[in-house]
Amino acid sequence: MTEALATTGQTFLAYLDEWRTGLAEKTLEQVAPIPGEAAIFSVDLIQGFCTIGPLASPRVNAIVPPSVALFKRAWARGIRHIVLAQDTHEPDAVEFEAWPPHCVRGTQESRTVEAIQALPFYAEMTIIEKNSIQAGLNTGLGAWLEDHPE
């Protein structure tokens, strides 16, 4: 089973890479022509996946600088809806049956990465705490989406 997953996984990743390479590059202005009707949705740019803890990874941490740059450009353009969905697990999270304990509520791991916290508009971002991989499961995401139909 593991070999089959590795083979199909590699095939799928190759497909994704080819698909991504074929995409035309677009400017922020093209993607979000009306800033008030745009939002940025970020998932798990937290210390527990970027800098500290059992699931921290240099690969994941490498997306922090371009994400910060995007947030800055978006904010300068007038995009005010920036949502950060973040692992914030309870100590007895079911997810810990499959993964080592990580990003437990109140720990440094569950905090937004420092580069995002340092942004002058960080306090204006919306943080959605999630206790599972699914950002819409038992979180405030549904209510946020209802409040922001644009």
N, C-alpha and C. Protein backbone atom coordinates (compact mmCIF):
# COMPACT_ATOMS: atom_id res chain seq x y z
N MET A 1 0.83 -1.20 0.00
CA MET A 1 0.00 0.00 0.00
C MET A 1 0.87 1.25 0.00
N THR A 2 1.92 1.27 0.84
CA THR A 2 2.78 2.44 0.90
C THR A 2 3.45 2.71 -0.43
N GLU A 3 3.92 1.64 -1.10
CA GLU A 3 4.54 1.81 -2.41
C GLU A 3 3.55 2.36 -3.43
N ALA A 4 2.33 1.84 -3.40
CA ALA A 4 1.32 2.31 -4.33
C ALA A 4 1.02 3.79 -4.09
N LEU A 5 0.93 4.18 -2.83
CA LEU A 5 0.68 5.58 -2.50
C LEU A 5 1.84 6.45 -2.98
N ALA A 6 3.06 5.98 -2.77
CA ALA A 6 4.23 6.74 -3.20
C ALA A 6 4.22 6.92 -4.72
N THR A 7 3.86 5.87 -5.44
CA THR A 7 3.82 5.95 -6.90
C THR A 7 2.72 6.87 -7.37
N THR A 8 1.52 6.68 -6.89
CA THR A 8 0.41 7.53 -7.32
C THR A 8 0.61 8.95 -6.83
N GLY A 9 1.18 9.10 -5.65
CA GLY A 9 1.45 10.44 -5.13
C GLY A 9 2.42 11.20 -6.02
N GLN A 10 3.48 10.54 -6.46
CA GLN A 10 4.46 11.17 -7.34
C GLN A 10 3.83 11.53 -8.68
N THR A 11 3.00 10.65 -9.20
CA THR A 11 2.32 10.92 -10.47
C THR A 11 1.43 12.15 -10.33
N PHE A 12 0.69 12.22 -9.24
CA PHE A 12 -0.20 13.36 -9.03
C PHE A 12 0.60 14.64 -8.85
N LEU A 13 1.68 14.59 -8.09
CA LEU A 13 2.51 15.78 -7.88
C LEU A 13 3.13 16.25 -9.19
N ALA A 14 3.53 15.32 -10.04
CA ALA A 14 4.06 15.69 -11.36
C ALA A 14 2.98 16.38 -12.18
N TYR A 15 1.76 15.85 -12.13
CA TYR A 15 0.63 16.47 -12.83
C TYR A 15 0.39 17.89 -12.32
N LEU A 16 0.38 18.05 -10.99
CA LEU A 16 0.16 19.38 -10.41
C LEU A 16 1.25 20.36 -10.83
N ASP A 17 2.48 19.90 -10.83
CA ASP A 17 3.58 20.77 -11.21
C ASP A 17 3.45 21.20 -12.66
N GLU A 18 3.09 20.27 -13.53
CA GLU A 18 2.90 20.60 -14.94
C GLU A 18 1.74 21.58 -15.11
N TRP A 19 0.66 21.34 -14.40
CA TRP A 19 -0.51 22.23 -14.46
C TRP A 19 -0.13 23.64 -13.99
N ARG A 20 0.58 23.71 -12.86
CA ARG A 20 0.97 25.01 -12.30
C ARG A 20 1.90 25.76 -13.25
N THR A 21 2.83 25.04 -13.86
CA THR A 21 3.77 25.66 -14.79
C THR A 21 3.04 26.27 -15.98
N GLY A 22 1.94 25.69 -16.38
CA GLY A 22 1.18 26.18 -17.52
C GLY A 22 0.27 27.36 -17.22
N LEU A 23 0.14 27.71 -15.96
CA LEU A 23 -0.73 28.83 -15.61
C LEU A 23 -0.10 30.16 -16.02
N ALA A 24 -0.92 31.04 -16.53
CA ALA A 24 -0.44 32.38 -16.86
C ALA A 24 -0.30 33.19 -15.57
N GLU A 25 0.78 33.92 -15.46
CA GLU A 25 0.98 34.76 -14.28
C GLU A 25 0.03 35.94 -14.35
N LYS A 26 -0.57 36.27 -13.22
CA LYS A 26 -1.51 37.39 -13.16
C LYS A 26 -1.09 38.34 -12.05
N THR A 27 -1.40 39.59 -12.25
CA THR A 27 -1.11 40.59 -11.24
C THR A 27 -2.21 40.59 -10.19
N LEU A 28 -1.92 41.19 -9.06
CA LEU A 28 -2.93 41.33 -8.02
C LEU A 28 -4.12 42.13 -8.53
N GLU A 29 -3.85 43.11 -9.36
CA GLU A 29 -4.93 43.93 -9.92
C GLU A 29 -5.85 43.11 -10.82
N GLN A 30 -5.28 42.14 -11.53
CA GLN A 30 -6.09 41.27 -12.38
C GLN A 30 -6.91 40.29 -11.55
N VAL A 31 -6.31 39.77 -10.50
CA VAL A 31 -6.98 38.78 -9.67
C VAL A 31 -8.04 39.43 -8.79
N ALA A 32 -7.77 40.64 -8.31
CA ALA A 32 -8.69 41.34 -7.40
C ALA A 32 -8.93 42.75 -7.91
N PRO A 33 -9.69 42.90 -8.99
CA PRO A 33 -9.90 44.24 -9.56
C PRO A 33 -10.69 45.17 -8.63
N ILE A 34 -11.51 44.60 -7.76
CA ILE A 34 -12.28 45.40 -6.79
C ILE A 34 -11.82 44.98 -5.40
N PRO A 35 -10.91 45.73 -4.79
CA PRO A 35 -10.33 45.32 -3.50
C PRO A 35 -11.37 45.01 -2.42
N GLY A 36 -12.46 45.74 -2.38
CA GLY A 36 -13.48 45.52 -1.36
C GLY A 36 -14.23 44.21 -1.53
N GLU A 37 -14.07 43.57 -2.68
CA GLU A 37 -14.74 42.30 -2.94
C GLU A 37 -13.76 41.13 -2.95
N ALA A 38 -12.57 41.35 -2.42
CA ALA A 38 -11.54 40.31 -2.42
C ALA A 38 -11.17 39.93 -1.00
N ALA A 39 -10.66 38.73 -0.85
CA ALA A 39 -10.16 38.27 0.44
C ALA A 39 -8.95 37.37 0.19
N ILE A 40 -8.09 37.32 1.17
CA ILE A 40 -6.97 36.38 1.16
C ILE A 40 -7.21 35.41 2.29
N PHE A 41 -7.10 34.14 1.99
CA PHE A 41 -7.32 33.09 2.98
C PHE A 41 -6.02 32.31 3.13
N SER A 42 -5.43 32.40 4.29
CA SER A 42 -4.16 31.74 4.58
C SER A 42 -4.40 30.62 5.58
N VAL A 43 -3.71 29.51 5.41
CA VAL A 43 -3.89 28.38 6.32
C VAL A 43 -2.56 27.99 6.97
N ASP A 44 -2.57 27.99 8.28
CA ASP A 44 -1.49 27.43 9.10
C ASP A 44 -0.12 28.07 8.92
N LEU A 45 -0.08 29.38 8.74
CA LEU A 45 1.21 30.08 8.78
C LEU A 45 1.49 30.42 10.25
N ILE A 46 1.74 29.35 10.98
CA ILE A 46 1.95 29.46 12.42
C ILE A 46 3.31 28.87 12.77
N GLN A 47 3.77 29.19 13.95
CA GLN A 47 5.10 28.77 14.35
C GLN A 47 5.25 27.25 14.38
N GLY A 48 4.20 26.54 14.76
CA GLY A 48 4.26 25.09 14.86
C GLY A 48 4.45 24.36 13.54
N PHE A 49 4.24 25.03 12.42
CA PHE A 49 4.51 24.42 11.11
C PHE A 49 5.70 25.07 10.42
N CYS A 50 6.15 26.21 10.96
CA CYS A 50 7.22 26.95 10.29
C CYS A 50 8.55 26.95 11.04
N THR A 51 8.50 27.09 12.37
CA THR A 51 9.76 27.32 13.08
C THR A 51 10.02 26.42 14.28
N ILE A 52 9.00 25.99 15.00
CA ILE A 52 9.24 25.19 16.20
C ILE A 52 8.24 24.03 16.27
N GLY A 53 8.63 22.99 16.96
CA GLY A 53 7.72 21.87 17.18
C GLY A 53 7.95 20.71 16.24
N PRO A 54 7.27 19.59 16.48
CA PRO A 54 7.52 18.35 15.73
C PRO A 54 7.10 18.41 14.27
N LEU A 55 6.24 19.34 13.89
CA LEU A 55 5.80 19.41 12.49
C LEU A 55 6.36 20.62 11.76
N ALA A 56 7.26 21.36 12.40
CA ALA A 56 7.88 22.52 11.75
C ALA A 56 8.75 22.06 10.59
N SER A 57 8.76 22.85 9.53
CA SER A 57 9.46 22.45 8.32
C SER A 57 10.06 23.67 7.62
N PRO A 58 11.33 23.59 7.22
CA PRO A 58 11.91 24.68 6.43
C PRO A 58 11.15 24.89 5.11
N ARG A 59 10.60 23.82 4.56
CA ARG A 59 9.83 23.93 3.31
C ARG A 59 8.61 24.81 3.52
N VAL A 60 7.90 24.60 4.62
CA VAL A 60 6.72 25.42 4.92
C VAL A 60 7.16 26.83 5.28
N ASN A 61 8.21 26.95 6.07
CA ASN A 61 8.70 28.26 6.48
C ASN A 61 9.09 29.11 5.27
N ALA A 62 9.49 28.47 4.18
CA ALA A 62 9.91 29.20 2.98
C ALA A 62 8.77 29.97 2.33
N ILE A 63 7.51 29.62 2.64
CA ILE A 63 6.40 30.37 2.04
C ILE A 63 6.04 31.61 2.85
N VAL A 64 6.66 31.79 4.01
CA VAL A 64 6.33 32.96 4.83
C VAL A 64 6.72 34.27 4.14
N PRO A 65 7.97 34.45 3.67
CA PRO A 65 8.30 35.73 3.04
C PRO A 65 7.41 36.10 1.84
N PRO A 66 7.14 35.19 0.89
CA PRO A 66 6.24 35.60 -0.19
C PRO A 66 4.81 35.85 0.29
N SER A 67 4.38 35.17 1.34
CA SER A 67 3.04 35.42 1.88
C SER A 67 2.98 36.81 2.51
N VAL A 68 4.01 37.16 3.26
CA VAL A 68 4.07 38.50 3.87
C VAL A 68 4.08 39.56 2.77
N ALA A 69 4.85 39.33 1.71
CA ALA A 69 4.89 40.28 0.60
C ALA A 69 3.51 40.43 -0.04
N LEU A 70 2.80 39.32 -0.21
CA LEU A 70 1.44 39.37 -0.76
C LEU A 70 0.52 40.16 0.16
N PHE A 71 0.58 39.89 1.46
CA PHE A 71 -0.27 40.60 2.41
C PHE A 71 -0.01 42.11 2.32
N LYS A 72 1.25 42.51 2.23
CA LYS A 72 1.60 43.93 2.15
C LYS A 72 1.04 44.56 0.87
N ARG A 73 1.24 43.87 -0.26
CA ARG A 73 0.72 44.40 -1.53
C ARG A 73 -0.80 44.48 -1.50
N ALA A 74 -1.43 43.46 -0.95
CA ALA A 74 -2.90 43.44 -0.88
C ALA A 74 -3.40 44.58 0.00
N TRP A 75 -2.77 44.77 1.15
CA TRP A 75 -3.20 45.83 2.06
C TRP A 75 -3.03 47.20 1.40
N ALA A 76 -1.90 47.40 0.72
CA ALA A 76 -1.65 48.66 0.02
C ALA A 76 -2.68 48.88 -1.08
N ARG A 77 -3.17 47.81 -1.66
CA ARG A 77 -4.18 47.90 -2.72
C ARG A 77 -5.57 48.16 -2.16
N GLY A 78 -5.76 47.97 -0.86
CA GLY A 78 -7.06 48.20 -0.25
C GLY A 78 -7.82 46.94 0.13
N ILE A 79 -7.19 45.79 0.00
CA ILE A 79 -7.82 44.54 0.41
C ILE A 79 -7.73 44.45 1.93
N ARG A 80 -8.89 44.40 2.57
CA ARG A 80 -8.93 44.41 4.03
C ARG A 80 -9.35 43.07 4.64
N HIS A 81 -9.78 42.15 3.83
CA HIS A 81 -10.19 40.84 4.34
C HIS A 81 -9.03 39.86 4.19
N ILE A 82 -8.27 39.71 5.26
CA ILE A 82 -7.19 38.72 5.30
C ILE A 82 -7.51 37.78 6.45
N VAL A 83 -7.77 36.53 6.11
CA VAL A 83 -8.18 35.53 7.09
C VAL A 83 -7.03 34.54 7.30
N LEU A 84 -6.70 34.32 8.56
CA LEU A 84 -5.65 33.37 8.93
C LEU A 84 -6.30 32.20 9.65
N ALA A 85 -6.46 31.08 8.97
CA ALA A 85 -6.97 29.86 9.61
C ALA A 85 -5.77 29.16 10.24
N GLN A 86 -5.86 28.88 11.54
CA GLN A 86 -4.68 28.40 12.25
C GLN A 86 -5.01 27.23 13.16
N ASP A 87 -4.17 26.20 13.10
CA ASP A 87 -4.28 25.10 14.05
C ASP A 87 -4.18 25.66 15.47
N THR A 88 -5.15 25.35 16.28
CA THR A 88 -5.17 25.73 17.69
C THR A 88 -5.87 24.58 18.39
N HIS A 89 -5.11 23.53 18.64
CA HIS A 89 -5.69 22.29 19.14
C HIS A 89 -5.92 22.30 20.64
N GLU A 90 -6.94 21.57 21.03
CA GLU A 90 -7.12 21.26 22.44
C GLU A 90 -6.11 20.16 22.78
N PRO A 91 -5.72 20.04 24.04
CA PRO A 91 -4.72 19.02 24.41
C PRO A 91 -5.13 17.59 24.06
N ASP A 92 -6.43 17.32 23.97
CA ASP A 92 -6.90 15.97 23.67
C ASP A 92 -7.43 15.83 22.24
N ALA A 93 -6.91 16.62 21.32
CA ALA A 93 -7.40 16.62 19.94
C ALA A 93 -7.33 15.23 19.31
N VAL A 94 -8.39 14.85 18.62
CA VAL A 94 -8.45 13.56 17.94
C VAL A 94 -7.32 13.44 16.92
N GLU A 95 -6.94 14.55 16.34
CA GLU A 95 -5.87 14.56 15.34
C GLU A 95 -4.56 13.99 15.88
N PHE A 96 -4.39 14.03 17.19
CA PHE A 96 -3.14 13.54 17.79
C PHE A 96 -3.04 12.02 17.76
N GLU A 97 -4.10 11.35 17.30
CA GLU A 97 -4.01 9.91 17.08
C GLU A 97 -3.19 9.62 15.82
N ALA A 98 -3.17 10.58 14.89
CA ALA A 98 -2.44 10.40 13.63
C ALA A 98 -1.14 11.21 13.59
N TRP A 99 -1.10 12.30 14.29
CA TRP A 99 0.06 13.20 14.28
C TRP A 99 0.52 13.43 15.71
N PRO A 100 1.79 13.76 15.90
CA PRO A 100 2.23 14.06 17.27
C PRO A 100 1.54 15.34 17.76
N PRO A 101 1.38 15.49 19.06
CA PRO A 101 0.78 16.72 19.57
C PRO A 101 1.52 17.94 19.03
N HIS A 102 0.75 18.92 18.56
CA HIS A 102 1.32 20.12 17.97
C HIS A 102 0.31 21.26 18.07
N CYS A 103 0.81 22.45 18.09
CA CYS A 103 -0.01 23.66 18.02
C CYS A 103 -1.14 23.65 19.05
N VAL A 104 -0.82 23.24 20.26
CA VAL A 104 -1.82 23.18 21.33
C VAL A 104 -2.15 24.61 21.76
N ARG A 105 -3.42 24.85 21.96
CA ARG A 105 -3.91 26.17 22.37
C ARG A 105 -3.05 26.74 23.50
N GLY A 106 -2.66 27.98 23.34
CA GLY A 106 -1.89 28.67 24.37
C GLY A 106 -0.39 28.47 24.30
N THR A 107 0.07 27.61 23.39
CA THR A 107 1.52 27.40 23.27
C THR A 107 2.08 28.29 22.16
N GLN A 108 3.39 28.44 22.17
CA GLN A 108 4.06 29.23 21.14
C GLN A 108 3.80 28.66 19.75
N GLU A 109 3.69 27.34 19.65
CA GLU A 109 3.44 26.70 18.35
C GLU A 109 2.14 27.18 17.71
N SER A 110 1.14 27.50 18.50
CA SER A 110 -0.17 27.87 17.94
C SER A 110 -0.25 29.35 17.54
N ARG A 111 0.83 30.07 17.70
CA ARG A 111 0.84 31.50 17.38
C ARG A 111 1.21 31.74 15.92
N THR A 112 0.67 32.80 15.37
CA THR A 112 1.02 33.24 14.02
C THR A 112 2.53 33.47 13.94
N VAL A 113 3.14 33.19 12.79
CA VAL A 113 4.57 33.43 12.64
C VAL A 113 4.87 34.91 12.89
N GLU A 114 6.06 35.15 13.41
CA GLU A 114 6.43 36.50 13.83
C GLU A 114 6.43 37.50 12.68
N ALA A 115 6.81 37.08 11.48
CA ALA A 115 6.84 38.01 10.35
C ALA A 115 5.45 38.56 10.03
N ILE A 116 4.42 37.77 10.25
CA ILE A 116 3.05 38.25 10.03
C ILE A 116 2.61 39.09 11.22
N GLN A 117 2.95 38.66 12.43
CA GLN A 117 2.60 39.45 13.61
C GLN A 117 3.22 40.84 13.56
N ALA A 118 4.36 40.98 12.89
CA ALA A 118 5.05 42.26 12.82
C ALA A 118 4.42 43.23 11.83
N LEU A 119 3.51 42.77 11.00
CA LEU A 119 2.86 43.66 10.04
C LEU A 119 2.03 44.71 10.78
N PRO A 120 2.07 45.96 10.35
CA PRO A 120 1.34 47.01 11.07
C PRO A 120 -0.18 46.81 11.07
N PHE A 121 -0.69 46.01 10.16
CA PHE A 121 -2.13 45.77 10.07
C PHE A 121 -2.52 44.38 10.58
N TYR A 122 -1.60 43.71 11.28
CA TYR A 122 -1.88 42.37 11.80
C TYR A 122 -3.15 42.34 12.65
N ALA A 123 -3.34 43.34 13.47
CA ALA A 123 -4.52 43.37 14.36
C ALA A 123 -5.82 43.45 13.57
N GLU A 124 -5.76 43.84 12.31
CA GLU A 124 -6.96 43.94 11.48
C GLU A 124 -7.28 42.61 10.78
N MET A 125 -6.37 41.65 10.84
CA MET A 125 -6.62 40.35 10.21
C MET A 125 -7.58 39.54 11.07
N THR A 126 -8.28 38.63 10.43
CA THR A 126 -9.20 37.75 11.14
C THR A 126 -8.53 36.40 11.35
N ILE A 127 -8.46 35.97 12.61
CA ILE A 127 -7.89 34.66 12.91
C ILE A 127 -9.02 33.68 13.18
N ILE A 128 -9.01 32.59 12.45
CA ILE A 128 -9.97 31.50 12.63
C ILE A 128 -9.20 30.34 13.26
N GLU A 129 -9.48 30.06 14.51
CA GLU A 129 -8.82 28.94 15.18
C GLU A 129 -9.52 27.64 14.78
N LYS A 130 -8.71 26.63 14.45
CA LYS A 130 -9.27 25.35 14.05
C LYS A 130 -8.63 24.22 14.85
N ASN A 131 -9.45 23.23 15.17
CA ASN A 131 -8.99 22.10 15.97
C ASN A 131 -8.85 20.84 15.12
N SER A 132 -8.86 21.03 13.79
CA SER A 132 -8.70 19.90 12.87
C SER A 132 -8.12 20.43 11.57
N ILE A 133 -7.86 19.54 10.64
CA ILE A 133 -7.34 19.94 9.34
C ILE A 133 -8.37 20.81 8.61
N GLN A 134 -9.64 20.54 8.79
CA GLN A 134 -10.74 21.21 8.10
C GLN A 134 -11.03 22.56 8.75
N ALA A 135 -10.74 23.65 8.03
CA ALA A 135 -10.92 25.00 8.57
C ALA A 135 -12.39 25.36 8.79
N GLY A 136 -13.30 24.66 8.16
CA GLY A 136 -14.72 24.98 8.31
C GLY A 136 -15.44 24.14 9.35
N LEU A 137 -14.73 23.24 10.00
CA LEU A 137 -15.35 22.32 10.95
C LEU A 137 -15.31 22.91 12.36
N ASN A 138 -16.48 23.27 12.87
CA ASN A 138 -16.60 23.80 14.23
C ASN A 138 -15.72 25.03 14.47
N THR A 139 -15.70 25.92 13.48
CA THR A 139 -14.94 27.17 13.61
C THR A 139 -15.87 28.33 13.30
N GLY A 140 -15.33 29.52 13.34
CA GLY A 140 -16.11 30.70 12.99
C GLY A 140 -16.07 31.02 11.51
N LEU A 141 -15.51 30.13 10.69
CA LEU A 141 -15.38 30.42 9.27
C LEU A 141 -16.73 30.59 8.58
N GLY A 142 -17.68 29.72 8.87
CA GLY A 142 -19.00 29.84 8.24
C GLY A 142 -19.65 31.18 8.54
N ALA A 143 -19.59 31.61 9.79
CA ALA A 143 -20.16 32.90 10.17
C ALA A 143 -19.42 34.04 9.48
N TRP A 144 -18.09 33.93 9.38
CA TRP A 144 -17.32 34.98 8.71
C TRP A 144 -17.74 35.08 7.25
N LEU A 145 -17.89 33.94 6.58
CA LEU A 145 -18.30 33.94 5.18
C LEU A 145 -19.70 34.53 5.01
N GLU A 146 -20.61 34.22 5.92
CA GLU A 146 -21.95 34.80 5.86
C GLU A 146 -21.92 36.31 6.05
N ASP A 147 -21.05 36.78 6.93
CA ASP A 147 -20.93 38.21 7.19
C ASP A 147 -20.20 38.96 6.08
N HIS A 148 -19.53 38.23 5.21
CA HIS A 148 -18.75 38.84 4.13
C HIS A 148 -19.11 38.20 2.79
N PRO A 149 -20.33 38.41 2.32
CA PRO A 149 -20.76 37.76 1.07
C PRO A 149 -20.06 38.30 -0.17
N GLU A 150 -19.43 39.44 -0.03
CA GLU A 150 -18.77 40.02 -1.20
C GLU A 150 -17.66 39.12 -1.68
